[in-house]
Amino acid sequence: MAEMDINQVLAHLPQRYPILMIDRVEACEPGKRIVALKNVSANEPYFQGHFPSRPIMPGVLILEAMAQAAGILVFRTMEHKPSNEYLYYYAGIDRARFKRPVEPGDQLEIEVEIQGSKRGIWKFACAARVAGALVAQAEILCTVRTLNGEAL
């Protein structure tokens, strides 16, 4: 169960500020699961407009954090790192549910488990928690494709 600091996270994700949603990995078991953290800061650019009177992290960005954690898990499982030769992206989102708002000062813990992989499509069970309380969950599908569309 390997931990990863921000430099190792950056080596396993193509995203950068302001869309980088993973600050650290607490545990990673390639082929099984990952637990990652996102420190939700009042300085996040989306809080200016979502919402000025009560800042709330957009649900789509919680889903993006789940996909990024899943991406690290896939790259660690496949023993690859991101490259200009292929892309990692969403193929679907099912059963997304949001239980309570995520606000500045929260630390979002994202847990992702591999449910399976078929023809280059990976399926994950994802949960996001703040202080142990479930704030969001979803099943997501992601894929790694070469630039010409072939599965990696």
Protein backbone atom coordinates (compact mmCIF):
# COMPACT_ATOMS: atom_id res chain seq x y z
CA MET A 1 0.00 0.00 0.00
CA ALA A 2 2.19 2.78 -1.31
CA GLU A 3 1.79 6.44 -0.43
CA MET A 4 2.49 9.10 -3.06
CA ASP A 5 3.43 12.74 -2.51
CA ILE A 6 2.42 15.55 -4.86
CA ASN A 7 5.47 15.03 -7.10
CA GLN A 8 4.59 11.36 -7.61
CA VAL A 9 0.95 12.32 -8.22
CA LEU A 10 2.06 14.79 -10.91
CA ALA A 11 4.14 12.04 -12.54
CA HIS A 12 1.00 9.86 -12.83
CA LEU A 13 -1.53 12.49 -13.99
CA PRO A 14 -1.49 14.81 -17.01
CA GLN A 15 -3.76 17.37 -15.26
CA ARG A 16 -2.31 20.55 -13.78
CA TYR A 17 -3.66 23.55 -11.87
CA PRO A 18 -6.47 24.59 -11.85
CA ILE A 19 -7.98 21.19 -12.72
CA LEU A 20 -5.61 19.00 -10.67
CA MET A 21 -7.86 17.44 -7.99
CA ILE A 22 -5.46 15.11 -6.15
CA ASP A 23 -2.95 16.41 -3.60
CA ARG A 24 -1.70 13.14 -2.13
CA VAL A 25 -2.26 9.39 -2.22
CA GLU A 26 -2.61 7.70 1.15
CA ALA A 27 -2.69 4.13 -0.17
CA CYS A 28 -2.47 2.46 -3.57
CA GLU A 29 -2.83 -1.24 -4.25
CA PRO A 30 -2.31 -1.65 -8.02
CA GLY A 31 -5.03 -3.80 -9.51
CA LYS A 32 -7.32 -3.22 -6.51
CA ARG A 33 -7.86 0.20 -4.91
CA ILE A 34 -6.57 3.67 -4.12
CA VAL A 35 -7.25 6.23 -1.39
CA ALA A 36 -6.39 9.80 -2.39
CA LEU A 37 -6.79 13.23 -0.78
CA LYS A 38 -7.87 16.64 -2.06
CA ASN A 39 -7.43 19.58 0.30
CA VAL A 40 -10.32 21.93 -0.46
CA SER A 41 -8.99 25.49 -0.13
CA ALA A 42 -10.95 28.74 0.00
CA ASN A 43 -8.58 29.92 -2.76
CA GLU A 44 -10.01 27.48 -5.35
CA PRO A 45 -11.03 29.54 -8.41
CA TYR A 46 -14.52 27.99 -8.68
CA PHE A 47 -15.59 29.27 -5.25
CA GLN A 48 -15.87 32.85 -6.58
CA GLY A 49 -18.95 31.84 -8.55
CA HIS A 50 -20.16 28.64 -6.84
CA PHE A 51 -21.59 30.27 -4.73
CA PRO A 52 -20.45 33.70 -3.51
CA SER A 53 -22.77 33.61 -0.48
CA ARG A 54 -21.94 29.97 0.42
CA PRO A 55 -18.94 28.40 -1.32
CA ILE A 56 -19.62 24.76 -2.31
CA MET A 57 -17.34 22.48 -4.35
CA PRO A 58 -19.15 21.63 -7.61
CA GLY A 59 -20.27 18.00 -7.80
CA VAL A 60 -18.68 17.60 -11.22
CA LEU A 61 -15.30 18.41 -9.65
CA ILE A 62 -15.83 15.75 -7.01
CA LEU A 63 -16.48 13.33 -9.89
CA GLU A 64 -13.32 14.65 -11.58
CA ALA A 65 -11.35 13.93 -8.39
CA MET A 66 -12.70 10.37 -8.50
CA ALA A 67 -11.63 9.99 -12.14
CA GLN A 68 -8.15 11.35 -11.40
CA ALA A 69 -7.71 8.92 -8.50
CA ALA A 70 -8.89 6.14 -10.80
CA GLY A 71 -6.38 7.33 -13.41
CA ILE A 72 -3.49 7.04 -10.98
CA LEU A 73 -4.70 3.55 -10.08
CA VAL A 74 -4.91 2.50 -13.74
CA PHE A 75 -1.47 3.89 -14.56
CA ARG A 76 0.03 2.17 -11.49
CA THR A 77 -1.77 -1.08 -12.39
CA MET A 78 -0.59 -0.97 -16.02
CA GLU A 79 2.86 0.23 -14.94
CA HIS A 80 2.59 3.21 -17.29
CA LYS A 81 2.72 6.95 -16.83
CA PRO A 82 0.79 9.55 -18.84
CA SER A 83 2.25 10.33 -22.23
CA ASN A 84 1.53 12.47 -25.27
CA GLU A 85 0.84 9.21 -27.13
CA TYR A 86 -2.45 8.40 -25.37
CA LEU A 87 -5.27 9.89 -23.34
CA TYR A 88 -7.15 8.79 -20.22
CA TYR A 89 -10.75 9.94 -20.06
CA TYR A 90 -14.32 9.25 -18.92
CA ALA A 91 -16.42 6.68 -20.74
CA GLY A 92 -19.41 6.93 -18.38
CA ILE A 93 -20.79 7.85 -14.97
CA ASP A 94 -23.51 5.79 -13.29
CA ARG A 95 -25.34 6.05 -9.98
CA ALA A 96 -23.78 9.38 -8.98
CA ARG A 97 -25.19 10.61 -5.68
CA PHE A 98 -24.27 13.64 -3.59
CA LYS A 99 -25.01 13.40 0.13
CA ARG A 100 -23.80 16.74 1.51
CA PRO A 101 -21.90 19.83 0.35
CA VAL A 102 -18.10 20.01 0.35
CA GLU A 103 -16.87 23.38 1.58
CA PRO A 104 -13.58 25.28 1.92
CA GLY A 105 -11.45 23.78 4.68
CA ASP A 106 -12.69 20.24 4.06
CA GLN A 107 -10.31 17.44 3.18
CA LEU A 108 -11.88 15.20 0.57
CA GLU A 109 -10.88 11.54 0.85
CA ILE A 110 -11.50 9.67 -2.39
CA GLU A 111 -11.60 5.87 -2.39
CA VAL A 112 -11.70 4.05 -5.72
CA GLU A 113 -11.92 0.29 -6.24
CA ILE A 114 -11.51 -1.49 -9.57
CA GLN A 115 -14.61 -3.50 -10.39
CA GLY A 116 -13.30 -4.81 -13.71
CA SER A 117 -11.78 -4.09 -17.09
CA LYS A 118 -12.99 -5.17 -20.52
CA ARG A 119 -11.79 -4.10 -23.98
CA GLY A 120 -9.91 -1.12 -22.59
CA ILE A 121 -12.83 0.15 -20.46
CA TRP A 122 -12.22 0.19 -16.71
CA LYS A 123 -15.10 0.20 -14.20
CA PHE A 124 -14.70 1.67 -10.72
CA ALA A 125 -16.73 1.99 -7.53
CA CYS A 126 -15.97 5.40 -6.03
CA ALA A 127 -16.73 7.11 -2.74
CA ALA A 128 -15.78 10.53 -1.42
CA ARG A 129 -15.77 11.30 2.30
CA VAL A 130 -15.10 14.28 4.55
CA ALA A 131 -14.10 13.43 8.14
CA GLY A 132 -15.33 9.87 7.56
CA ALA A 133 -18.82 10.94 6.39
CA LEU A 134 -19.89 9.97 2.87
CA VAL A 135 -20.38 13.07 0.68
CA ALA A 136 -20.60 11.49 -2.79
CA GLN A 137 -20.48 8.15 -4.54
CA ALA A 138 -20.56 6.94 -8.13
CA GLU A 139 -19.65 4.16 -10.50
CA ILE A 140 -17.41 5.48 -13.24
CA LEU A 141 -16.09 4.07 -16.48
CA CYS A 142 -12.78 5.30 -17.86
CA THR A 143 -10.59 4.33 -20.77
CA VAL A 144 -7.03 4.75 -21.94
CA ARG A 145 -6.78 5.26 -25.71
CA THR A 146 -4.03 6.07 -28.14
CA LEU A 147 -4.44 9.34 -30.02
CA ASN A 148 -5.88 7.40 -32.98
CA GLY A 149 -8.54 5.83 -30.72
CA GLU A 150 -7.12 2.36 -30.08
CA ALA A 151 -7.32 0.85 -26.58
CA LEU A 152 -3.99 0.73 -24.75
